[in-house]
N, C-alpha and C. Protein backbone atom coordinates (compact mmCIF):
# COMPACT_ATOMS: atom_id res chain seq x y z
N MET A 1 0.92 -1.14 0.10
CA MET A 1 -0.02 0.10 0.02
C MET A 1 0.98 1.36 -0.09
N GLU A 2 0.52 2.08 -0.87
CA GLU A 2 1.30 3.48 -0.98
C GLU A 2 1.18 4.21 0.30
N THR A 3 2.18 4.66 0.80
CA THR A 3 2.18 5.37 2.15
C THR A 3 1.33 6.79 2.12
N ASN A 4 1.21 7.44 0.87
CA ASN A 4 0.54 8.78 1.07
C ASN A 4 -1.05 8.49 0.51
N PHE A 5 -1.47 7.22 0.31
CA PHE A 5 -2.82 7.15 -0.09
C PHE A 5 -3.71 7.13 1.08
N ASP A 6 -4.66 8.05 1.26
CA ASP A 6 -5.74 8.26 2.19
C ASP A 6 -6.89 7.65 1.70
N GLY A 7 -7.04 6.40 2.03
CA GLY A 7 -8.31 5.76 1.99
C GLY A 7 -9.63 6.43 2.30
N TYR A 8 -9.58 7.05 3.43
CA TYR A 8 -10.91 7.45 3.87
C TYR A 8 -11.23 8.98 2.98
N ALA A 9 -10.20 9.58 2.68
CA ALA A 9 -10.28 10.76 1.53
C ALA A 9 -10.97 10.25 0.53
N TYR A 10 -10.30 9.23 -0.13
CA TYR A 10 -10.42 8.50 -1.41
C TYR A 10 -12.16 8.12 -1.49
N ILE A 11 -12.53 7.25 -0.55
CA ILE A 11 -13.88 6.96 -0.16
C ILE A 11 -14.72 8.03 -0.26
N THR A 12 -14.66 9.01 0.26
CA THR A 12 -15.38 10.19 0.31
C THR A 12 -15.64 10.90 -0.93
N GLU A 13 -14.48 11.00 -1.64
CA GLU A 13 -14.37 11.56 -2.95
C GLU A 13 -15.23 10.89 -3.85
N GLU A 14 -15.10 9.51 -3.87
CA GLU A 14 -15.73 8.78 -4.82
C GLU A 14 -17.25 8.57 -4.55
N CYS A 15 -17.63 8.76 -3.29
CA CYS A 15 -18.98 8.77 -2.93
C CYS A 15 -19.77 10.13 -3.37
N ILE A 16 -19.02 11.10 -3.29
CA ILE A 16 -19.43 12.44 -3.78
C ILE A 16 -19.49 12.34 -5.19
N ASN A 17 -18.52 11.98 -5.93
CA ASN A 17 -18.63 11.75 -7.41
C ASN A 17 -19.76 10.88 -7.92
N ALA A 18 -19.97 9.95 -7.10
CA ALA A 18 -21.27 8.99 -7.42
C ALA A 18 -22.47 9.63 -7.39
N PHE A 19 -22.49 10.31 -6.34
CA PHE A 19 -23.73 11.09 -5.98
C PHE A 19 -24.10 12.20 -6.98
N ARG A 20 -23.02 12.84 -7.64
CA ARG A 20 -23.36 13.82 -8.74
C ARG A 20 -23.81 13.36 -9.91
N LYS A 21 -23.58 12.12 -10.12
CA LYS A 21 -24.06 11.54 -11.41
C LYS A 21 -25.42 11.16 -11.45
N ASP A 22 -25.99 11.34 -12.58
CA ASP A 22 -27.45 11.18 -12.62
C ASP A 22 -27.70 9.60 -12.87
N THR A 23 -27.31 8.84 -12.01
CA THR A 23 -27.44 7.34 -12.35
C THR A 23 -27.78 6.79 -10.85
N THR A 24 -28.35 5.65 -10.85
CA THR A 24 -28.99 5.03 -9.60
C THR A 24 -27.58 4.41 -9.02
N ILE A 25 -27.42 4.74 -7.56
CA ILE A 25 -26.29 4.11 -6.84
C ILE A 25 -26.65 2.73 -6.24
N VAL A 26 -25.97 1.71 -6.78
CA VAL A 26 -26.06 0.23 -6.10
C VAL A 26 -24.81 0.19 -5.21
N PRO A 27 -25.24 0.11 -3.93
CA PRO A 27 -24.13 0.16 -2.84
C PRO A 27 -22.97 -0.90 -3.14
N VAL A 28 -23.21 -1.96 -3.40
CA VAL A 28 -22.32 -3.05 -3.54
C VAL A 28 -21.37 -2.48 -4.73
N GLU A 29 -22.00 -2.21 -5.73
CA GLU A 29 -21.11 -1.86 -7.20
C GLU A 29 -20.16 -0.79 -6.90
N LEU A 30 -20.83 0.59 -6.05
CA LEU A 30 -19.85 1.44 -5.65
C LEU A 30 -18.79 1.12 -4.81
N ALA A 31 -19.05 0.07 -3.86
CA ALA A 31 -17.90 -0.38 -2.83
C ALA A 31 -16.97 -1.14 -3.60
N VAL A 32 -17.37 -2.00 -4.67
CA VAL A 32 -16.40 -2.51 -5.34
C VAL A 32 -15.39 -1.72 -6.34
N ARG A 33 -16.15 -0.87 -6.82
CA ARG A 33 -15.39 0.26 -7.63
C ARG A 33 -14.34 0.85 -6.77
N ILE A 34 -14.83 1.31 -5.70
CA ILE A 34 -13.82 2.08 -4.71
C ILE A 34 -12.78 1.02 -4.21
N MET A 35 -13.18 -0.25 -3.83
CA MET A 35 -12.07 -1.16 -3.59
C MET A 35 -11.18 -1.66 -4.60
N LYS A 36 -11.54 -1.32 -5.81
CA LYS A 36 -10.72 -1.76 -7.04
C LYS A 36 -9.28 -0.65 -7.12
N HIS A 37 -9.28 0.28 -6.42
CA HIS A 37 -8.23 1.32 -6.66
C HIS A 37 -6.92 0.49 -6.14
N PRO A 38 -5.83 0.75 -7.03
CA PRO A 38 -4.70 -0.32 -6.80
C PRO A 38 -4.08 -0.09 -5.46
N ASP A 39 -4.29 1.05 -4.70
CA ASP A 39 -3.80 1.19 -3.36
C ASP A 39 -4.77 0.94 -2.30
N PHE A 40 -5.90 0.41 -2.51
CA PHE A 40 -6.88 0.25 -1.56
C PHE A 40 -6.57 -1.35 -1.18
N PRO A 41 -6.08 -1.30 0.32
CA PRO A 41 -5.63 -2.69 0.84
C PRO A 41 -7.03 -3.73 0.92
N MET A 42 -6.31 -5.05 0.71
CA MET A 42 -7.20 -6.13 0.90
C MET A 42 -8.00 -6.11 2.27
N HIS A 43 -7.22 -5.84 3.28
CA HIS A 43 -7.61 -5.85 4.72
C HIS A 43 -7.33 -4.51 5.25
N TYR A 44 -8.16 -3.78 5.81
CA TYR A 44 -7.72 -2.45 6.60
C TYR A 44 -9.07 -1.87 7.01
N PRO A 45 -8.82 -1.00 8.12
CA PRO A 45 -10.22 -0.30 8.75
C PRO A 45 -10.88 0.55 7.74
N TYR A 46 -10.21 0.97 6.62
CA TYR A 46 -11.17 1.61 5.56
C TYR A 46 -12.38 1.03 5.32
N HIS A 47 -12.43 -0.18 5.42
CA HIS A 47 -13.74 -0.98 5.05
C HIS A 47 -15.00 -0.55 6.20
N HIS A 48 -14.40 -0.23 7.29
CA HIS A 48 -15.31 0.17 8.34
C HIS A 48 -15.86 1.49 8.07
N TYR A 49 -15.46 2.29 7.22
CA TYR A 49 -16.01 3.63 6.70
C TYR A 49 -16.73 3.33 5.34
N LEU A 50 -16.16 2.33 4.53
CA LEU A 50 -16.69 2.11 3.29
C LEU A 50 -18.14 1.70 3.40
N VAL A 51 -18.50 0.92 4.17
CA VAL A 51 -20.04 0.44 4.35
C VAL A 51 -20.95 1.53 4.45
N PRO A 52 -20.70 2.17 5.62
CA PRO A 52 -21.70 3.41 5.78
C PRO A 52 -21.57 4.41 4.89
N ALA A 53 -20.46 4.82 4.31
CA ALA A 53 -20.22 5.70 3.15
C ALA A 53 -21.05 5.30 2.00
N VAL A 54 -21.02 4.15 1.51
CA VAL A 54 -21.63 3.73 0.19
C VAL A 54 -23.27 3.62 0.62
N MET A 55 -23.76 3.23 1.62
CA MET A 55 -25.03 3.37 2.05
C MET A 55 -25.67 4.82 2.31
N LEU A 56 -24.91 5.49 2.88
CA LEU A 56 -25.35 6.84 3.03
C LEU A 56 -25.28 7.40 1.68
N THR A 57 -24.59 7.25 0.79
CA THR A 57 -24.63 7.88 -0.68
C THR A 57 -25.85 7.39 -1.41
N ALA A 58 -26.01 6.22 -1.44
CA ALA A 58 -27.21 5.69 -2.05
C ALA A 58 -28.51 6.16 -1.60
N VAL A 59 -28.71 6.23 -0.21
CA VAL A 59 -29.85 6.89 0.33
C VAL A 59 -30.02 8.31 0.08
N TYR A 60 -28.99 9.08 0.24
CA TYR A 60 -28.92 10.67 0.01
C TYR A 60 -29.19 10.80 -1.40
N ARG A 61 -28.67 10.03 -2.30
CA ARG A 61 -28.88 10.23 -3.86
C ARG A 61 -30.31 10.16 -4.16
N LEU A 62 -31.04 9.33 -3.41
CA LEU A 62 -32.45 9.23 -3.44
C LEU A 62 -33.19 10.53 -3.04
N GLN A 63 -32.65 11.02 -2.10
CA GLN A 63 -33.27 12.29 -1.63
C GLN A 63 -32.58 13.57 -2.26
N GLY A 64 -31.69 13.50 -3.03
CA GLY A 64 -31.04 14.62 -3.58
C GLY A 64 -30.38 15.67 -2.78
N GLU A 65 -29.77 15.21 -1.64
CA GLU A 65 -29.37 16.35 -0.51
C GLU A 65 -27.65 16.18 -0.46
N GLU A 66 -26.93 16.91 -1.36
CA GLU A 66 -25.52 16.83 -1.24
C GLU A 66 -24.83 17.28 -0.12
N GLU A 67 -25.35 18.43 0.46
CA GLU A 67 -24.74 18.87 1.58
C GLU A 67 -25.14 17.97 2.78
N ALA A 68 -26.10 17.56 2.95
CA ALA A 68 -26.40 16.63 3.93
C ALA A 68 -25.60 15.32 3.93
N LEU A 69 -25.24 14.88 2.73
CA LEU A 69 -24.53 13.61 2.55
C LEU A 69 -23.11 14.16 3.04
N ARG A 70 -22.59 15.12 2.67
CA ARG A 70 -21.16 15.51 3.08
C ARG A 70 -21.16 15.54 4.60
N MET A 71 -22.24 16.21 5.29
CA MET A 71 -22.15 16.13 6.64
C MET A 71 -22.10 14.63 7.17
N ALA A 72 -23.01 13.99 6.72
CA ALA A 72 -23.29 12.59 7.03
C ALA A 72 -21.96 11.79 6.77
N LEU A 73 -21.21 11.93 5.67
CA LEU A 73 -20.08 11.21 5.61
C LEU A 73 -19.11 11.64 6.55
N GLU A 74 -18.84 12.88 6.75
CA GLU A 74 -17.77 13.23 7.87
C GLU A 74 -18.11 12.76 9.14
N GLU A 75 -19.40 12.51 9.43
CA GLU A 75 -19.87 11.93 10.72
C GLU A 75 -19.55 10.42 10.81
N ALA A 76 -19.92 9.80 9.61
CA ALA A 76 -19.42 8.37 9.54
C ALA A 76 -18.13 8.08 9.55
N LYS A 77 -17.28 8.86 8.90
CA LYS A 77 -15.67 8.80 9.15
C LYS A 77 -15.34 8.82 10.38
N SER A 78 -15.77 9.89 11.10
CA SER A 78 -15.31 10.05 12.58
C SER A 78 -15.60 8.95 13.58
N ARG A 79 -16.94 8.46 13.15
CA ARG A 79 -17.17 7.19 14.01
C ARG A 79 -16.51 5.93 13.64
N ALA A 80 -16.31 5.63 12.33
CA ALA A 80 -15.70 4.61 11.81
C ALA A 80 -14.14 4.61 12.29
N LEU A 81 -13.58 5.63 12.54
CA LEU A 81 -12.27 5.78 13.06
C LEU A 81 -12.20 5.20 14.28
N ASN A 82 -13.20 4.97 15.22
CA ASN A 82 -13.18 4.55 16.48
C ASN A 82 -13.22 2.84 16.31
N VAL A 83 -13.53 2.24 15.21
CA VAL A 83 -13.52 0.93 14.96
C VAL A 83 -12.26 0.45 14.74
N LEU A 84 -11.40 -0.29 15.43
CA LEU A 84 -10.02 -0.39 15.17
C LEU A 84 -9.83 -1.67 14.43
N LYS A 85 -8.59 -2.02 13.89
CA LYS A 85 -8.28 -2.85 13.18
C LYS A 85 -8.43 -4.17 13.81
N GLY A 86 -8.77 -5.35 13.23
CA GLY A 86 -8.88 -6.65 13.74
C GLY A 86 -10.06 -6.77 14.68
N PHE A 87 -11.00 -5.87 14.48
CA PHE A 87 -12.21 -5.74 15.51
C PHE A 87 -13.06 -7.08 15.40
N CYS A 88 -12.88 -7.71 14.14
CA CYS A 88 -13.77 -8.99 14.11
C CYS A 88 -13.29 -10.00 14.95
N GLY A 89 -11.81 -10.15 15.03
CA GLY A 89 -11.42 -11.28 15.68
C GLY A 89 -10.96 -10.94 17.22
N LEU A 90 -10.78 -9.66 17.50
CA LEU A 90 -10.15 -9.25 18.79
C LEU A 90 -11.50 -8.66 19.58
N TYR A 91 -12.73 -8.39 19.12
CA TYR A 91 -13.74 -7.78 19.96
C TYR A 91 -15.02 -8.45 19.41
N GLY A 92 -14.99 -9.33 18.61
CA GLY A 92 -16.11 -10.20 18.08
C GLY A 92 -17.28 -9.47 17.39
N ASP A 93 -16.76 -8.48 16.73
CA ASP A 93 -17.95 -7.63 16.09
C ASP A 93 -17.27 -6.99 14.79
N CYS A 94 -17.51 -7.73 13.62
CA CYS A 94 -16.92 -7.05 12.41
C CYS A 94 -17.15 -5.72 12.20
N GLY A 95 -16.15 -4.99 11.71
CA GLY A 95 -16.21 -3.79 11.35
C GLY A 95 -17.16 -3.29 10.26
N ALA A 96 -17.65 -4.16 9.43
CA ALA A 96 -18.49 -3.96 8.16
C ALA A 96 -20.01 -3.83 9.04
N ALA A 97 -20.20 -4.83 9.89
CA ALA A 97 -21.42 -4.78 10.67
C ALA A 97 -21.42 -3.50 11.38
N VAL A 98 -20.46 -3.13 12.05
CA VAL A 98 -20.55 -1.84 12.87
C VAL A 98 -20.86 -0.77 11.87
N GLY A 99 -20.12 -0.84 10.70
CA GLY A 99 -20.49 0.23 9.92
C GLY A 99 -21.75 0.46 9.46
N LEU A 100 -22.80 -0.66 9.22
CA LEU A 100 -24.12 -0.58 9.03
C LEU A 100 -24.73 0.05 10.26
N GLY A 101 -24.33 -0.24 11.20
CA GLY A 101 -24.95 0.35 12.61
C GLY A 101 -24.72 1.98 12.46
N ILE A 102 -23.41 2.36 12.12
CA ILE A 102 -23.17 3.91 11.90
C ILE A 102 -23.81 4.44 10.89
N PHE A 103 -24.03 3.62 9.74
CA PHE A 103 -25.04 4.24 8.69
C PHE A 103 -26.46 4.44 9.29
N MET A 104 -27.11 3.40 9.94
CA MET A 104 -28.47 3.46 10.32
C MET A 104 -28.76 4.56 11.43
N SER A 105 -27.56 4.68 12.46
CA SER A 105 -27.77 5.56 13.47
C SER A 105 -27.71 6.99 12.81
N ILE A 106 -26.82 7.34 11.79
CA ILE A 106 -26.77 8.63 11.12
C ILE A 106 -28.11 8.93 10.53
N LEU A 107 -28.39 7.95 9.65
CA LEU A 107 -29.69 8.06 8.62
C LEU A 107 -30.82 8.52 9.58
N THR A 108 -30.87 7.76 10.66
CA THR A 108 -32.19 7.87 11.61
C THR A 108 -32.09 9.05 12.64
N GLY A 109 -30.67 9.59 12.73
CA GLY A 109 -30.55 10.39 13.91
C GLY A 109 -30.48 9.80 15.27
N THR A 110 -30.36 8.38 15.38
CA THR A 110 -30.44 7.74 16.60
C THR A 110 -29.01 7.98 17.60
N THR A 111 -29.45 8.17 18.90
CA THR A 111 -28.55 8.48 19.76
C THR A 111 -28.74 7.32 20.83
N PRO A 112 -27.82 7.35 21.78
CA PRO A 112 -28.13 6.22 23.15
C PRO A 112 -29.47 6.64 23.67
N HIS A 113 -30.08 7.78 23.59
CA HIS A 113 -31.31 8.01 24.25
C HIS A 113 -32.66 7.84 23.21
N SER A 114 -32.36 7.44 22.16
CA SER A 114 -33.54 7.26 21.11
C SER A 114 -34.29 5.92 21.68
N GLU A 115 -35.60 6.01 21.12
CA GLU A 115 -36.42 4.86 21.56
C GLU A 115 -36.69 3.85 20.29
N GLU A 116 -37.43 4.19 19.51
CA GLU A 116 -37.62 3.12 18.32
C GLU A 116 -36.64 2.78 17.47
N THR A 117 -35.87 4.17 17.13
CA THR A 117 -34.69 3.88 16.10
C THR A 117 -33.43 3.19 16.78
N TRP A 118 -33.56 3.13 18.03
CA TRP A 118 -32.26 2.49 18.80
C TRP A 118 -32.38 1.06 18.36
N ALA A 119 -33.40 0.34 18.61
CA ALA A 119 -33.66 -1.05 18.43
C ALA A 119 -33.40 -1.28 16.78
N MET A 120 -33.65 -0.58 15.97
CA MET A 120 -33.49 -0.74 14.43
C MET A 120 -32.09 -0.60 14.24
N THR A 121 -31.46 0.32 14.79
CA THR A 121 -29.95 0.40 14.59
C THR A 121 -29.23 -0.75 14.97
N ASN A 122 -29.58 -1.24 16.10
CA ASN A 122 -28.80 -2.43 16.80
C ASN A 122 -29.50 -3.67 15.85
N ARG A 123 -30.69 -3.84 15.34
CA ARG A 123 -31.10 -4.95 14.57
C ARG A 123 -30.35 -5.01 13.18
N ILE A 124 -30.05 -3.92 12.65
CA ILE A 124 -29.38 -3.90 11.36
C ILE A 124 -27.88 -4.44 11.52
N THR A 125 -27.23 -3.99 12.62
CA THR A 125 -25.92 -4.42 13.01
C THR A 125 -26.16 -6.06 13.42
N ALA A 126 -26.99 -6.45 14.14
CA ALA A 126 -26.93 -7.86 14.58
C ALA A 126 -27.40 -8.84 13.37
N GLY A 127 -28.27 -8.37 12.63
CA GLY A 127 -28.57 -9.19 11.31
C GLY A 127 -27.52 -9.55 10.54
N SER A 128 -26.70 -8.27 10.22
CA SER A 128 -25.38 -8.37 9.44
C SER A 128 -24.40 -9.24 9.92
N LEU A 129 -24.31 -9.11 11.19
CA LEU A 129 -23.40 -9.88 12.06
C LEU A 129 -23.55 -11.27 11.94
N MET A 130 -24.88 -11.68 11.94
CA MET A 130 -25.17 -13.15 11.94
C MET A 130 -24.93 -13.62 10.38
N LYS A 131 -25.24 -12.97 9.52
CA LYS A 131 -24.88 -13.32 8.06
C LYS A 131 -23.25 -13.54 8.15
N ILE A 132 -22.45 -12.69 8.60
CA ILE A 132 -21.08 -12.85 8.52
C ILE A 132 -20.46 -13.97 9.36
N ALA A 133 -21.24 -14.14 10.52
CA ALA A 133 -20.86 -15.28 11.45
C ALA A 133 -21.26 -16.75 10.66
N GLU A 134 -21.94 -16.78 9.83
CA GLU A 134 -22.49 -18.04 9.07
C GLU A 134 -21.14 -18.56 8.38
N ILE A 135 -20.14 -17.78 8.03
CA ILE A 135 -18.99 -18.19 7.51
C ILE A 135 -17.98 -18.06 8.51
N ASP A 136 -17.17 -19.22 8.64
CA ASP A 136 -15.98 -19.27 9.49
C ASP A 136 -14.88 -18.34 8.99
N GLY A 137 -13.94 -18.08 10.07
CA GLY A 137 -12.69 -17.17 9.46
C GLY A 137 -11.88 -18.00 8.61
N PRO A 138 -10.84 -17.27 8.31
CA PRO A 138 -10.35 -16.02 8.69
C PRO A 138 -11.03 -14.99 8.24
N ARG A 139 -10.73 -13.88 8.53
CA ARG A 139 -11.32 -12.49 8.24
C ARG A 139 -11.04 -12.27 6.67
N CYS A 140 -12.14 -11.74 6.18
CA CYS A 140 -12.08 -11.16 4.78
C CYS A 140 -12.75 -10.03 4.73
N CYS A 141 -12.19 -8.81 4.62
CA CYS A 141 -12.95 -7.53 4.60
C CYS A 141 -13.97 -7.47 3.32
N LYS A 142 -13.41 -7.86 2.31
CA LYS A 142 -14.10 -7.86 1.18
C LYS A 142 -15.52 -8.67 1.20
N ARG A 143 -15.51 -9.93 1.70
CA ARG A 143 -16.64 -10.75 1.82
C ARG A 143 -17.62 -10.23 2.88
N ASN A 144 -17.00 -9.55 3.90
CA ASN A 144 -17.93 -9.04 5.07
C ASN A 144 -18.47 -7.82 4.61
N CYS A 145 -17.83 -6.96 3.76
CA CYS A 145 -18.50 -5.92 3.26
C CYS A 145 -19.80 -6.40 2.47
N PHE A 146 -19.31 -7.47 1.36
CA PHE A 146 -20.61 -7.80 0.59
C PHE A 146 -21.81 -8.24 1.36
N LEU A 147 -21.48 -9.01 2.55
CA LEU A 147 -22.57 -9.52 3.27
C LEU A 147 -23.21 -8.51 4.02
N ALA A 148 -22.60 -7.55 4.55
CA ALA A 148 -23.29 -6.24 5.30
C ALA A 148 -24.19 -5.56 4.27
N LEU A 149 -23.60 -5.42 3.25
CA LEU A 149 -24.59 -4.61 2.20
C LEU A 149 -25.42 -5.32 1.65
N GLN A 150 -25.38 -6.81 1.52
CA GLN A 150 -26.53 -7.51 0.95
C GLN A 150 -27.72 -7.49 2.07
N HIS A 151 -27.30 -7.54 3.25
CA HIS A 151 -28.25 -7.59 4.28
C HIS A 151 -29.02 -6.09 4.43
N ALA A 152 -28.23 -5.09 4.19
CA ALA A 152 -28.79 -3.68 4.48
C ALA A 152 -29.96 -3.37 3.40
N VAL A 153 -29.87 -3.88 2.09
CA VAL A 153 -30.83 -3.58 1.11
C VAL A 153 -32.25 -3.87 1.41
N PRO A 154 -32.64 -5.18 1.75
CA PRO A 154 -33.82 -5.55 2.17
C PRO A 154 -34.34 -5.19 3.58
N PHE A 155 -33.38 -4.95 4.50
CA PHE A 155 -33.63 -4.39 5.98
C PHE A 155 -34.11 -2.90 5.77
N LEU A 156 -33.64 -2.12 4.73
CA LEU A 156 -33.95 -0.77 4.55
C LEU A 156 -35.49 -0.77 4.11
N LYS A 157 -35.69 -1.67 3.17
CA LYS A 157 -36.89 -1.70 2.45
C LYS A 157 -38.05 -2.18 3.58
N GLU A 158 -37.58 -3.10 4.27
CA GLU A 158 -38.71 -3.53 5.52
C GLU A 158 -38.97 -2.55 6.41
N THR A 159 -37.97 -1.78 6.96
CA THR A 159 -37.95 -0.88 8.08
C THR A 159 -38.53 0.37 7.70
N LEU A 160 -37.91 0.94 6.51
CA LEU A 160 -37.89 2.24 6.21
C LEU A 160 -38.72 2.55 5.06
N ASP A 161 -38.98 1.54 4.22
CA ASP A 161 -39.53 1.57 2.94
C ASP A 161 -38.74 2.39 1.96
N VAL A 162 -37.47 2.21 2.11
CA VAL A 162 -36.37 2.79 1.21
C VAL A 162 -36.02 1.63 0.37
N THR A 163 -36.14 1.89 -1.15
CA THR A 163 -35.59 0.89 -1.87
C THR A 163 -34.43 1.25 -2.62
N LEU A 164 -33.47 0.33 -2.62
CA LEU A 164 -32.30 0.43 -3.09
C LEU A 164 -32.04 -0.75 -3.97
N GLU A 165 -31.22 -0.68 -5.01
CA GLU A 165 -30.73 -1.80 -6.04
C GLU A 165 -29.69 -2.57 -5.55
N ALA A 166 -29.90 -3.93 -5.74
CA ALA A 166 -28.84 -4.71 -5.26
C ALA A 166 -28.56 -5.64 -6.52
N PRO A 167 -27.27 -6.14 -6.91
CA PRO A 167 -27.16 -7.19 -8.04
C PRO A 167 -27.68 -8.44 -7.57
N LYS A 168 -28.08 -9.24 -8.48
CA LYS A 168 -28.55 -10.66 -8.09
C LYS A 168 -27.59 -11.50 -7.66
N LYS A 169 -26.45 -11.19 -8.12
CA LYS A 169 -25.31 -12.08 -7.72
C LYS A 169 -23.97 -11.16 -7.66
N ILE A 170 -23.27 -11.37 -6.59
CA ILE A 170 -21.87 -10.73 -6.31
C ILE A 170 -20.72 -11.70 -6.50
N VAL A 171 -19.99 -11.40 -7.48
CA VAL A 171 -18.77 -12.16 -7.72
C VAL A 171 -17.47 -11.44 -7.32
N CYS A 172 -16.63 -12.08 -6.34
CA CYS A 172 -15.55 -11.36 -5.78
C CYS A 172 -14.36 -11.51 -6.83
N THR A 173 -13.86 -10.28 -7.06
CA THR A 173 -12.55 -10.22 -8.03
C THR A 173 -11.40 -9.96 -7.24
N PHE A 174 -11.47 -10.12 -5.88
CA PHE A 174 -10.18 -10.00 -5.05
C PHE A 174 -9.56 -11.10 -4.49
N SER A 175 -10.16 -12.46 -4.92
CA SER A 175 -9.43 -13.71 -4.20
C SER A 175 -8.14 -13.85 -4.51
N ASP A 176 -7.64 -13.55 -5.60
CA ASP A 176 -6.27 -13.67 -6.11
C ASP A 176 -5.30 -12.80 -5.13
N ILE A 177 -5.75 -11.78 -4.51
CA ILE A 177 -4.84 -10.88 -3.83
C ILE A 177 -5.08 -11.22 -2.12
N ASN A 178 -5.85 -12.19 -1.89
CA ASN A 178 -6.14 -12.45 -0.47
C ASN A 178 -5.55 -13.96 -0.11
N GLU A 179 -4.47 -13.76 0.72
CA GLU A 179 -3.88 -14.91 1.13
C GLU A 179 -4.63 -16.02 1.80
N ASP A 180 -5.56 -15.42 2.51
CA ASP A 180 -6.46 -16.18 3.46
C ASP A 180 -7.83 -16.54 2.70
N CYS A 181 -7.99 -16.43 1.26
CA CYS A 181 -9.24 -16.61 0.82
C CYS A 181 -9.65 -18.00 0.99
N LYS A 182 -10.88 -18.16 1.26
CA LYS A 182 -11.48 -19.43 1.59
C LYS A 182 -12.06 -20.34 0.36
N GLY A 183 -11.83 -19.54 -0.70
CA GLY A 183 -12.21 -20.38 -1.92
C GLY A 183 -13.63 -20.57 -2.31
N THR A 184 -13.85 -21.87 -2.44
CA THR A 184 -15.41 -22.17 -2.74
C THR A 184 -16.24 -22.30 -1.27
N ALA A 185 -15.49 -22.13 -0.28
CA ALA A 185 -16.25 -21.98 0.90
C ALA A 185 -16.70 -20.67 1.15
N CYS A 186 -16.51 -19.66 0.20
CA CYS A 186 -16.89 -18.21 0.22
C CYS A 186 -18.14 -18.11 -0.81
N PRO A 187 -19.16 -17.56 -0.49
CA PRO A 187 -20.47 -17.50 -1.43
C PRO A 187 -20.16 -16.48 -2.59
N PHE A 188 -19.03 -15.80 -2.55
CA PHE A 188 -18.77 -14.90 -3.65
C PHE A 188 -17.62 -15.16 -4.47
N PHE A 189 -17.01 -16.36 -4.09
CA PHE A 189 -15.75 -16.96 -4.96
C PHE A 189 -16.40 -17.49 -6.19
N GLN A 190 -15.54 -17.13 -7.34
CA GLN A 190 -15.76 -17.74 -8.60
C GLN A 190 -14.37 -18.04 -9.10
N LEU A 191 -14.38 -19.26 -9.82
CA LEU A 191 -13.17 -19.90 -10.33
C LEU A 191 -12.73 -19.17 -11.51
C-alpha cells in the first residue's frame, strides 16, 4: 500500500462523485469500484468507513441532498475511525457490521437515548453480523462488506420503505490478492 494514499479521503471523494452522477447508486457496485483502487488494501479499517459511506450515498442520492451527504459522510468517518483494526477477531464484532450500525444511526438520527430507532440500529448490525458469522474465519474484509451490504438493502425496504438496488449475484474479484481466501467456501468466490 502506498504510504501517502488516504483511503478515507478517497472513499469520500468517490461517494461524492457517484452522488453527482445522474444514475442509480447500487451500494455493492460503488463499494467494489472503490475497493478496486490499486492502493486500496485487501484488509484495513477503511472498510469500516466504506460500508456506511456507500449506504449513505445511495440513500441521500434518492433524496438529492448533497450537503446533508457531506455532513453525514464526515460523521460516519469520525465514528468509523473508532472501529479498530482486527475488530472482528479481537472484539467479536466485524467492522462491516458496525459500519451498518453507523449508517443507520446517522440516517435515523439515533442516539443512546433514542427509543424506536435505537432497536432498529442494533437490529441492522445484529442481522448483518449473523450473516457474517455463518462463514468461519479467517477474516475477509471484502466478503464481510458484501455480506453487510446484502443484508442492508432488504432491511431498509422492510423497516423504512427505502428501495435500493442490489445485484442478483456478487462475484468477488479480489480472491487472487487474499492470502486467506476461503475459495469455494466463500459465497462470492468464482473460479
